[in-house]
Structures are given as C-alpha cells and as structure tokens.
Amino acid sequence: MRIDDLSWKIMEALQKNSRVTLKEIAQIVGLIYNPELKPTELLKKEPRF
C-alpha cells in the first residue's frame, strides 16, 4: 500500500469518526515513517506537517 492510499484511508476514517484527532493521525503516520520509533517517544514529539 502506498502512502498516498494510506493517507486517503486515514482521511476517510476521520470523516466517519470525528473523535480521532490530528495528533493521533500524526502519530500513526509517524510510526509508518519511523517504525523503529517507540510510541512513547512519539507521544513526546509534536507532529510535524
């Protein structure tokens, strides 16, 4: 799956579930881009767009 397809799926999910925050999306995408990063380390960082 390409990142473009994944981004589209994330946006569709956001439209269906408005409780998902942009920070949560950034964390999910961050894990995809940096799989070696631990989720706890990701929580400390501010999402960059």
N, C-alpha and C. Protein backbone atom coordinates (compact mmCIF):
# COMPACT_ATOMS: atom_id res chain seq x y z
N MET A 1 0.84 -1.19 0.00
CA MET A 1 0.00 0.00 0.00
C MET A 1 0.88 1.25 0.00
N ARG A 2 0.58 2.15 -0.90
CA ARG A 2 1.36 3.39 -0.98
C ARG A 2 0.91 4.37 0.11
N ILE A 3 1.79 5.29 0.44
CA ILE A 3 1.47 6.30 1.46
C ILE A 3 0.26 7.13 1.03
N ASP A 4 0.16 7.43 -0.27
CA ASP A 4 -0.98 8.20 -0.77
C ASP A 4 -2.29 7.48 -0.47
N ASP A 5 -2.32 6.17 -0.75
CA ASP A 5 -3.53 5.38 -0.48
C ASP A 5 -3.83 5.38 1.02
N LEU A 6 -2.78 5.25 1.81
CA LEU A 6 -2.95 5.21 3.26
C LEU A 6 -3.49 6.55 3.77
N SER A 7 -2.94 7.65 3.26
CA SER A 7 -3.40 8.97 3.67
C SER A 7 -4.89 9.14 3.35
N TRP A 8 -5.28 8.65 2.19
CA TRP A 8 -6.69 8.76 1.78
C TRP A 8 -7.57 7.96 2.73
N LYS A 9 -7.13 6.75 3.08
CA LYS A 9 -7.90 5.92 4.01
C LYS A 9 -8.01 6.59 5.38
N ILE A 10 -6.93 7.23 5.82
CA ILE A 10 -6.95 7.93 7.10
C ILE A 10 -7.95 9.08 7.05
N MET A 11 -7.94 9.83 5.95
CA MET A 11 -8.87 10.94 5.82
C MET A 11 -10.32 10.45 5.80
N GLU A 12 -10.57 9.33 5.12
CA GLU A 12 -11.92 8.76 5.11
C GLU A 12 -12.34 8.35 6.52
N ALA A 13 -11.41 7.76 7.26
CA ALA A 13 -11.70 7.35 8.63
C ALA A 13 -12.00 8.57 9.50
N LEU A 14 -11.28 9.66 9.26
CA LEU A 14 -11.51 10.89 10.02
C LEU A 14 -12.92 11.43 9.79
N GLN A 15 -13.39 11.34 8.54
CA GLN A 15 -14.72 11.84 8.23
C GLN A 15 -15.79 11.02 8.95
N LYS A 16 -15.54 9.71 9.10
CA LYS A 16 -16.51 8.84 9.75
C LYS A 16 -16.43 8.94 11.28
N ASN A 17 -15.22 9.17 11.79
CA ASN A 17 -15.02 9.19 13.24
C ASN A 17 -14.31 10.49 13.62
N SER A 18 -15.09 11.50 13.99
CA SER A 18 -14.52 12.81 14.28
C SER A 18 -13.78 12.86 15.61
N ARG A 19 -13.86 11.76 16.39
CA ARG A 19 -13.15 11.74 17.67
C ARG A 19 -11.65 11.54 17.48
N VAL A 20 -11.25 11.10 16.30
CA VAL A 20 -9.83 10.92 16.02
C VAL A 20 -9.22 12.30 15.82
N THR A 21 -8.16 12.60 16.56
CA THR A 21 -7.54 13.91 16.47
C THR A 21 -6.40 13.91 15.47
N LEU A 22 -6.02 15.10 15.03
CA LEU A 22 -4.90 15.22 14.09
C LEU A 22 -3.62 14.70 14.72
N LYS A 23 -3.47 14.90 16.03
CA LYS A 23 -2.26 14.43 16.70
C LYS A 23 -2.19 12.91 16.64
N GLU A 24 -3.32 12.24 16.83
CA GLU A 24 -3.35 10.78 16.74
C GLU A 24 -3.00 10.33 15.33
N ILE A 25 -3.52 11.03 14.33
CA ILE A 25 -3.20 10.69 12.94
C ILE A 25 -1.70 10.87 12.70
N ALA A 26 -1.14 11.97 13.21
CA ALA A 26 0.29 12.23 13.04
C ALA A 26 1.12 11.13 13.69
N GLN A 27 0.66 10.62 14.82
CA GLN A 27 1.38 9.54 15.50
C GLN A 27 1.34 8.27 14.67
N ILE A 28 0.18 7.97 14.09
CA ILE A 28 0.05 6.77 13.25
C ILE A 28 0.97 6.89 12.04
N VAL A 29 0.92 8.02 11.37
CA VAL A 29 1.76 8.24 10.19
C VAL A 29 3.23 8.23 10.59
N GLY A 30 3.54 8.81 11.76
CA GLY A 30 4.91 8.83 12.24
C GLY A 30 5.45 7.42 12.46
N LEU A 31 4.60 6.54 12.96
CA LEU A 31 5.02 5.15 13.16
C LEU A 31 5.29 4.46 11.83
N ILE A 32 4.51 4.82 10.81
CA ILE A 32 4.72 4.22 9.49
C ILE A 32 6.05 4.70 8.91
N TYR A 33 6.34 5.99 9.05
CA TYR A 33 7.58 6.54 8.51
C TYR A 33 8.79 6.15 9.35
N ASN A 34 8.61 6.00 10.67
CA ASN A 34 9.71 5.67 11.57
C ASN A 34 9.35 4.44 12.41
N PRO A 35 9.40 3.25 11.82
CA PRO A 35 8.97 2.05 12.56
C PRO A 35 9.84 1.75 13.77
N GLU A 36 11.09 2.26 13.80
CA GLU A 36 11.97 1.98 14.94
C GLU A 36 11.63 2.85 16.14
N LEU A 37 10.80 3.87 15.92
CA LEU A 37 10.43 4.78 17.00
C LEU A 37 9.38 4.14 17.90
N LYS A 38 9.60 4.22 19.20
CA LYS A 38 8.62 3.67 20.14
C LYS A 38 7.44 4.64 20.27
N PRO A 39 6.24 4.13 20.47
CA PRO A 39 5.07 5.01 20.61
C PRO A 39 5.22 6.03 21.74
N THR A 40 5.89 5.66 22.83
CA THR A 40 6.06 6.61 23.94
C THR A 40 6.95 7.78 23.52
N GLU A 41 7.97 7.51 22.71
CA GLU A 41 8.81 8.59 22.21
C GLU A 41 8.02 9.48 21.27
N LEU A 42 7.13 8.87 20.51
CA LEU A 42 6.32 9.61 19.55
C LEU A 42 5.38 10.57 20.27
N LEU A 43 4.87 10.16 21.42
CA LEU A 43 3.95 11.00 22.18
C LEU A 43 4.62 12.28 22.67
N LYS A 44 5.93 12.21 22.92
CA LYS A 44 6.65 13.38 23.42
C LYS A 44 6.90 14.40 22.32
N LYS A 45 6.94 13.94 21.07
CA LYS A 45 7.23 14.84 19.96
C LYS A 45 5.95 15.48 19.43
N GLU A 46 6.08 16.73 19.01
CA GLU A 46 4.94 17.38 18.37
C GLU A 46 4.90 16.94 16.92
N PRO A 47 3.71 16.70 16.38
CA PRO A 47 3.62 16.28 14.98
C PRO A 47 4.06 17.40 14.04
N ARG A 48 4.78 17.00 13.01
CA ARG A 48 5.23 17.97 12.01
C ARG A 48 4.53 17.69 10.69
N PHE A 49 3.97 18.75 10.09
CA PHE A 49 3.28 18.57 8.80
C PHE A 49 4.02 19.33 7.73
